[in-house]
C-alpha atoms as a PDB file:
ATOM      1  CA  MET A   1     -38.810   5.172   1.433  1.00  0.00           C
ATOM      2  CA  ASP A   2     -38.023   6.989  -1.760  1.00  0.00           C
ATOM      3  CA  GLN A   3     -34.328   7.854  -1.760  1.00  0.00           C
ATOM      4  CA  LYS A   4     -32.694   9.474  -4.763  1.00  0.00           C
ATOM      5  CA  ASN A   5     -29.473   7.908  -6.063  1.00  0.00           C
ATOM      6  CA  PRO A   6     -26.670  10.407  -5.244  1.00  0.00           C
ATOM      7  CA  LEU A   7     -24.917   9.468  -8.519  1.00  0.00           C
ATOM      8  CA  ASP A   8     -27.945  10.217 -10.705  1.00  0.00           C
ATOM      9  CA  PHE A   9     -27.655  13.697 -12.204  1.00  0.00           C
ATOM     10  CA  HIS A  10     -30.331  13.347 -14.922  1.00  0.00           C
ATOM     11  CA  GLY A  11     -32.353  16.547 -15.143  1.00  0.00           C
ATOM     12  CA  SER A  12     -30.086  18.445 -12.747  1.00  0.00           C
ATOM     13  CA  GLY A  13     -28.597  20.682 -15.446  1.00  0.00           C
ATOM     14  CA  GLU A  14     -25.149  20.241 -13.936  1.00  0.00           C
ATOM     15  CA  TRP A  15     -21.964  20.021 -16.003  1.00  0.00           C
ATOM     16  CA  ALA A  16     -18.606  18.298 -16.001  1.00  0.00           C
ATOM     17  CA  VAL A  17     -15.709  20.131 -17.646  1.00  0.00           C
ATOM     18  CA  VAL A  18     -12.999  17.753 -18.873  1.00  0.00           C
ATOM     19  CA  LEU A  19      -9.766  19.129 -20.289  1.00  0.00           C
ATOM     20  CA  GLY A  20      -8.185  16.395 -22.402  1.00  0.00           C
ATOM     21  CA  GLY A  21     -11.421  14.465 -22.840  1.00  0.00           C
ATOM     22  CA  SER A  22     -10.935  13.220 -26.401  1.00  0.00           C
ATOM     23  CA  SER A  23      -9.012  10.053 -25.509  1.00  0.00           C
ATOM     24  CA  GLY A  24      -7.792   7.867 -22.681  1.00  0.00           C
ATOM     25  CA  PHE A  25      -8.831   8.515 -19.099  1.00  0.00           C
ATOM     26  CA  GLY A  26     -10.515  11.826 -19.934  1.00  0.00           C
ATOM     27  CA  LEU A  27     -12.741  10.234 -22.603  1.00  0.00           C
ATOM     28  CA  ALA A  28     -13.633   7.239 -20.404  1.00  0.00           C
ATOM     29  CA  THR A  29     -14.539   9.573 -17.545  1.00  0.00           C
ATOM     30  CA  SER A  30     -16.613  11.773 -19.865  1.00  0.00           C
ATOM     31  CA  LYS A  31     -18.598   8.730 -21.046  1.00  0.00           C
ATOM     32  CA  ARG A  32     -19.240   7.545 -17.485  1.00  0.00           C
ATOM     33  CA  LEU A  33     -20.310  10.992 -16.304  1.00  0.00           C
ATOM     34  CA  ALA A  34     -22.636  11.334 -19.291  1.00  0.00           C
ATOM     35  CA  ARG A  35     -24.258   7.999 -18.393  1.00  0.00           C
ATOM     36  CA  ALA A  36     -24.802   9.423 -14.908  1.00  0.00           C
ATOM     37  CA  GLY A  37     -26.603  12.418 -16.431  1.00  0.00           C
ATOM     38  CA  LEU A  38     -24.021  15.220 -16.298  1.00  0.00           C
ATOM     39  CA  ASN A  39     -23.743  17.490 -19.322  1.00  0.00           C
ATOM     40  CA  ILE A  40     -20.176  17.456 -20.675  1.00  0.00           C
ATOM     41  CA  LEU A  41     -17.879  20.230 -21.896  1.00  0.00           C
ATOM     42  CA  ILE A  42     -14.626  18.914 -23.375  1.00  0.00           C
ATOM     43  CA  GLY A  43     -11.494  20.875 -24.233  1.00  0.00           C
ATOM     44  CA  HIS A  44      -8.982  18.976 -26.372  1.00  0.00           C
ATOM     45  CA  LYS A  45      -6.321  19.420 -29.055  1.00  0.00           C
ATOM     46  CA  ASP A  46      -6.427  16.943 -31.927  1.00  0.00           C
ATOM     47  CA  LYS A  47      -5.894  16.981 -35.694  1.00  0.00           C
ATOM     48  CA  GLU A  48      -9.079  17.667 -37.669  1.00  0.00           C
ATOM     49  CA  GLY A  49      -8.803  14.334 -39.511  1.00  0.00           C
ATOM     50  CA  THR A  50      -8.553  12.479 -36.211  1.00  0.00           C
ATOM     51  CA  VAL A  51     -11.582  14.302 -34.835  1.00  0.00           C
ATOM     52  CA  GLU A  52     -13.732  13.330 -37.810  1.00  0.00           C
ATOM     53  CA  THR A  53     -12.643   9.695 -38.086  1.00  0.00           C
ATOM     54  CA  VAL A  54     -11.677   8.538 -34.595  1.00  0.00           C
ATOM     55  CA  ILE A  55     -13.118  10.875 -31.963  1.00  0.00           C
ATOM     56  CA  LYS A  56     -16.524  11.814 -33.436  1.00  0.00           C
ATOM     57  CA  PRO A  57     -18.057   8.348 -32.810  1.00  0.00           C
ATOM     58  CA  HIS A  58     -17.089   8.629 -29.131  1.00  0.00           C
ATOM     59  CA  PHE A  59     -18.665  12.083 -28.903  1.00  0.00           C
ATOM     60  CA  ASP A  60     -21.807  10.696 -30.581  1.00  0.00           C
ATOM     61  CA  GLU A  61     -21.916   7.982 -27.911  1.00  0.00           C
ATOM     62  CA  ILE A  62     -21.800  10.664 -25.191  1.00  0.00           C
ATOM     63  CA  ARG A  63     -24.698  12.509 -26.863  1.00  0.00           C
ATOM     64  CA  SER A  64     -26.676   9.243 -27.048  1.00  0.00           C
ATOM     65  CA  TYR A  65     -27.010   9.312 -23.240  1.00  0.00           C
ATOM     66  CA  GLY A  66     -29.355  12.303 -23.578  1.00  0.00           C
ATOM     67  CA  VAL A  67     -26.949  14.946 -22.273  1.00  0.00           C
ATOM     68  CA  LYS A  68     -25.542  18.098 -23.832  1.00  0.00           C
ATOM     69  CA  LEU A  69     -21.998  17.905 -25.184  1.00  0.00           C
ATOM     70  CA  VAL A  70     -19.889  20.945 -26.055  1.00  0.00           C
ATOM     71  CA  THR A  71     -16.398  20.384 -27.473  1.00  0.00           C
ATOM     72  CA  HIS A  72     -13.542  22.770 -28.181  1.00  0.00           C
ATOM     73  CA  ASN A  73     -10.574  21.642 -30.260  1.00  0.00           C
ATOM     74  CA  VAL A  74      -8.052  24.260 -29.105  1.00  0.00           C
ATOM     75  CA  ASN A  75      -4.550  24.473 -27.668  1.00  0.00           C
ATOM     76  CA  LEU A  76      -5.192  24.554 -23.928  1.00  0.00           C
ATOM     77  CA  PHE A  77      -1.596  25.627 -23.190  1.00  0.00           C
ATOM     78  CA  ASP A  78      -2.285  28.887 -25.031  1.00  0.00           C
ATOM     79  CA  ASP A  79      -4.062  31.846 -23.374  1.00  0.00           C
ATOM     80  CA  GLU A  80      -6.404  32.206 -26.338  1.00  0.00           C
ATOM     81  CA  GLY A  81      -7.442  28.526 -26.254  1.00  0.00           C
ATOM     82  CA  ARG A  82      -8.028  28.530 -22.507  1.00  0.00           C
ATOM     83  CA  GLY A  83      -9.980  31.758 -22.822  1.00  0.00           C
ATOM     84  CA  GLU A  84     -12.286  30.184 -25.412  1.00  0.00           C
ATOM     85  CA  VAL A  85     -12.993  27.247 -23.110  1.00  0.00           C
ATOM     86  CA  PHE A  86     -13.648  29.451 -20.065  1.00  0.00           C
ATOM     87  CA  GLU A  87     -15.981  31.718 -22.060  1.00  0.00           C
ATOM     88  CA  SER A  88     -17.845  28.610 -23.187  1.00  0.00           C
ATOM     89  CA  ILE A  89     -18.146  27.422 -19.582  1.00  0.00           C
ATOM     90  CA  ALA A  90     -19.702  30.756 -18.587  1.00  0.00           C
ATOM     91  CA  GLN A  91     -22.041  30.779 -21.597  1.00  0.00           C
ATOM     92  CA  ASN A  92     -23.149  27.118 -21.602  1.00  0.00           C
ATOM     93  CA  CYS A  93     -22.967  25.995 -17.996  1.00  0.00           C
ATOM     94  CA  GLY A  94     -23.924  29.085 -16.036  1.00  0.00           C
ATOM     95  CA  ALA A  95     -22.997  30.098 -12.523  1.00  0.00           C
ATOM     96  CA  GLY A  96     -22.858  27.299  -9.969  1.00  0.00           C
ATOM     97  CA  LYS A  97     -23.639  24.527 -12.437  1.00  0.00           C
ATOM     98  CA  VAL A  98     -20.159  22.989 -12.870  1.00  0.00           C
ATOM     99  CA  ARG A  99     -20.194  19.874 -10.694  1.00  0.00           C
ATOM    100  CA  LEU A 100     -16.765  18.552 -11.732  1.00  0.00           C
ATOM    101  CA  PHE A 101     -13.656  20.085 -13.336  1.00  0.00           C
ATOM    102  CA  MET A 102     -11.088  17.543 -14.496  1.00  0.00           C
ATOM    103  CA  GLN A 103      -7.667  18.041 -16.086  1.00  0.00           C
ATOM    104  CA  SER A 104      -6.555  15.027 -18.092  1.00  0.00           C
ATOM    105  CA  ILE A 105      -4.182  16.563 -20.623  1.00  0.00           C
ATOM    106  CA  ALA A 106      -1.413  14.060 -21.244  1.00  0.00           C
ATOM    107  CA  ALA A 107       0.413  14.398 -24.547  1.00  0.00           C
ATOM    108  CA  GLY A 108       3.364  16.762 -24.298  1.00  0.00           C
ATOM    109  CA  SER A 109       2.711  17.771 -20.719  1.00  0.00           C
ATOM    110  CA  CYS A 110       5.913  16.278 -19.268  1.00  0.00           C
ATOM    111  CA  ARG A 111       7.821  19.478 -19.940  1.00  0.00           C
ATOM    112  CA  LEU A 112       7.787  22.376 -17.538  1.00  0.00           C
ATOM    113  CA  MET A 113       5.417  25.179 -18.503  1.00  0.00           C
ATOM    114  CA  ILE A 114       7.714  27.655 -16.753  1.00  0.00           C
ATOM    115  CA  GLU A 115      11.367  27.370 -15.835  1.00  0.00           C
ATOM    116  CA  ASP A 116      12.026  26.271 -12.253  1.00  0.00           C
ATOM    117  CA  LYS A 117      14.485  28.791 -10.789  1.00  0.00           C
ATOM    118  CA  THR A 118      14.300  27.718  -7.160  1.00  0.00           C
ATOM    119  CA  PRO A 119      17.710  27.210  -5.482  1.00  0.00           C
ATOM    120  CA  THR A 120      16.803  23.682  -4.390  1.00  0.00           C
ATOM    121  CA  SER A 121      16.208  22.539  -7.971  1.00  0.00           C
ATOM    122  CA  ALA A 122      19.774  23.403  -9.015  1.00  0.00           C
ATOM    123  CA  ALA A 123      21.179  21.748  -5.894  1.00  0.00           C
ATOM    124  CA  SER A 124      19.228  18.551  -6.445  1.00  0.00           C
ATOM    125  CA  ARG A 125      20.474  18.327 -10.029  1.00  0.00           C
ATOM    126  CA  SER A 126      24.097  18.722  -8.903  1.00  0.00           C
ATOM    127  CA  ARG A 127      23.628  15.817  -6.469  1.00  0.00           C
ATOM    128  CA  GLY A 128      22.704  13.516  -9.334  1.00  0.00           C
ATOM    129  CA  TRP A 129      18.910  13.860  -9.359  1.00  0.00           C
ATOM    130  CA  ARG A 130      17.458  12.301 -12.471  1.00  0.00           C
ATOM    131  CA  ARG A 131      14.196  13.088 -14.231  1.00  0.00           C
ATOM    132  CA  PRO A 132      11.799  10.095 -14.230  1.00  0.00           C
ATOM    133  CA  SER A 133      12.093   8.030 -17.404  1.00  0.00           C
ATOM    134  CA  ALA A 134       8.436   8.691 -18.298  1.00  0.00           C
ATOM    135  CA  CYS A 135       9.315  12.346 -18.849  1.00  0.00           C
ATOM    136  CA  PRO A 136      12.179  12.693 -21.312  1.00  0.00           C
ATOM    137  CA  PRO A 137      14.631  15.535 -20.726  1.00  0.00           C
ATOM    138  CA  THR A 138      14.050  18.713 -22.676  1.00  0.00           C
ATOM    139  CA  ARG A 139      17.731  18.869 -23.674  1.00  0.00           C
ATOM    140  CA  SER A 140      19.499  15.574 -24.043  1.00  0.00           C
ATOM    141  CA  ARG A 141      23.202  14.877 -24.337  1.00  0.00           C
ATOM    142  CA  PRO A 142      24.531  13.011 -27.370  1.00  0.00           C
ATOM    143  CA  ARG A 143      24.445   9.241 -26.872  1.00  0.00           C
ATOM    144  CA  SER A 144      28.123   8.905 -27.748  1.00  0.00           C
ATOM    145  CA  THR A 145      29.172  11.123 -24.813  1.00  0.00           C
ATOM    146  CA  PRO A 146      30.096   9.081 -21.727  1.00  0.00           C
ATOM    147  CA  ARG A 147      27.948   9.826 -18.677  1.00  0.00           C
ATOM    148  CA  SER A 148      30.991  10.769 -16.562  1.00  0.00           C
ATOM    149  CA  THR A 149      31.710  13.839 -18.719  1.00  0.00           C
ATOM    150  CA  THR A 150      28.217  15.244 -18.177  1.00  0.00           C
ATOM    151  CA  ARG A 151      28.317  15.167 -14.361  1.00  0.00           C
ATOM    152  CA  ALA A 152      29.101  18.230 -12.294  1.00  0.00           C
ATOM    153  CA  ALA A 153      32.807  18.823 -11.692  1.00  0.00           C
ATOM    154  CA  THR A 154      32.468  18.866  -7.895  1.00  0.00           C
ATOM    155  CA  PRO A 155      34.524  16.324  -5.958  1.00  0.00           C
ATOM    156  CA  SER A 156      32.474  13.612  -4.321  1.00  0.00           C
ATOM    157  CA  THR A 157      32.956  13.094  -0.590  1.00  0.00           C
ATOM    158  CA  ARG A 158      30.918   9.897  -0.482  1.00  0.00           C
ATOM    159  CA  SER A 159      32.272   6.520  -1.450  1.00  0.00           C
ATOM    160  CA  PRO A 160      30.404   4.575  -4.107  1.00  0.00           C
ATOM    161  CA  THR A 161      27.616   2.317  -2.926  1.00  0.00           C
ATOM    162  CA  PRO A 162      28.305  -1.430  -2.823  1.00  0.00           C
ATOM    163  CA  ALA A 163      25.970  -1.995  -5.779  1.00  0.00           C
ATOM    164  CA  SER A 164      27.852   0.493  -7.975  1.00  0.00           C
ATOM    165  CA  ARG A 165      31.221  -0.992  -6.910  1.00  0.00           C
ATOM    166  CA  THR A 166      29.963  -4.442  -7.859  1.00  0.00           C
ATOM    167  CA  ALA A 167      28.714  -3.175 -11.196  1.00  0.00           C
ATOM    168  CA  ARG A 168      32.080  -1.520 -11.925  1.00  0.00           C
ATOM    169  CA  SER A 169      34.091  -4.580 -10.958  1.00  0.00           C
ATOM    170  CA  PHE A 170      31.792  -6.791 -12.991  1.00  0.00           C
ATOM    171  CA  SER A 171      32.263  -4.519 -15.983  1.00  0.00           C
ATOM    172  CA  ARG A 172      36.056  -4.537 -15.585  1.00  0.00           C
ATOM    173  CA  LYS A 173      36.155  -8.330 -15.271  1.00  0.00           C
ATOM    174  CA  THR A 174      33.922  -8.753 -18.295  1.00  0.00           C
ATOM    175  CA  ILE A 175      36.041  -6.372 -20.370  1.00  0.00           C
ATOM    176  CA  SER A 176      39.319  -8.025 -19.323  1.00  0.00           C
ATOM    177  CA  ARG A 177      37.923 -11.505 -20.121  1.00  0.00           C
ATOM    178  CA  ARG A 178      36.796 -10.381 -23.529  1.00  0.00           C
ATOM    179  CA  ARG A 179      40.170  -8.832 -24.289  1.00  0.00           C
ATOM    180  CA  SER A 180      42.067 -11.933 -23.201  1.00  0.00           C
ATOM    181  CA  SER A 181      39.913 -14.291 -25.339  1.00  0.00           C
END
């Protein structure tokens, strides 16, 4: 029985397109796919000095696996940059030859690309929804401003949770002890 390995793409002429493939997960995936025999097209945005000193050896490693590597150092959040990458896909890969398309752009992607104007987004913010700490807010309040002044001015109908009551009473006790000492 001569069965072909389904993860062996050597000689197939198929491509993997990786946006954000110059570092991290995108680069590791590009290397692994190149070892499997897929040609690689990478779109990334890095400083020229970084490309020459840090990233070029990784790209050379990808080429050492005997696959084609096409890279584009462009701003992928810009129409012009995306257009360059898509034209390159059409020119280099050809119709029906892209096996995998991966988006791994990380740096600076925590911000919204467009403003969210849905009614539910405003309502969730007024109920105290907080952005995850991994994505910093686009507009931050000054650190010296107490949190209570930045909340919405709507009266709360719910009583505080037991944990928040405990935290407040602990804070008051701690403050009064410090003042009395």
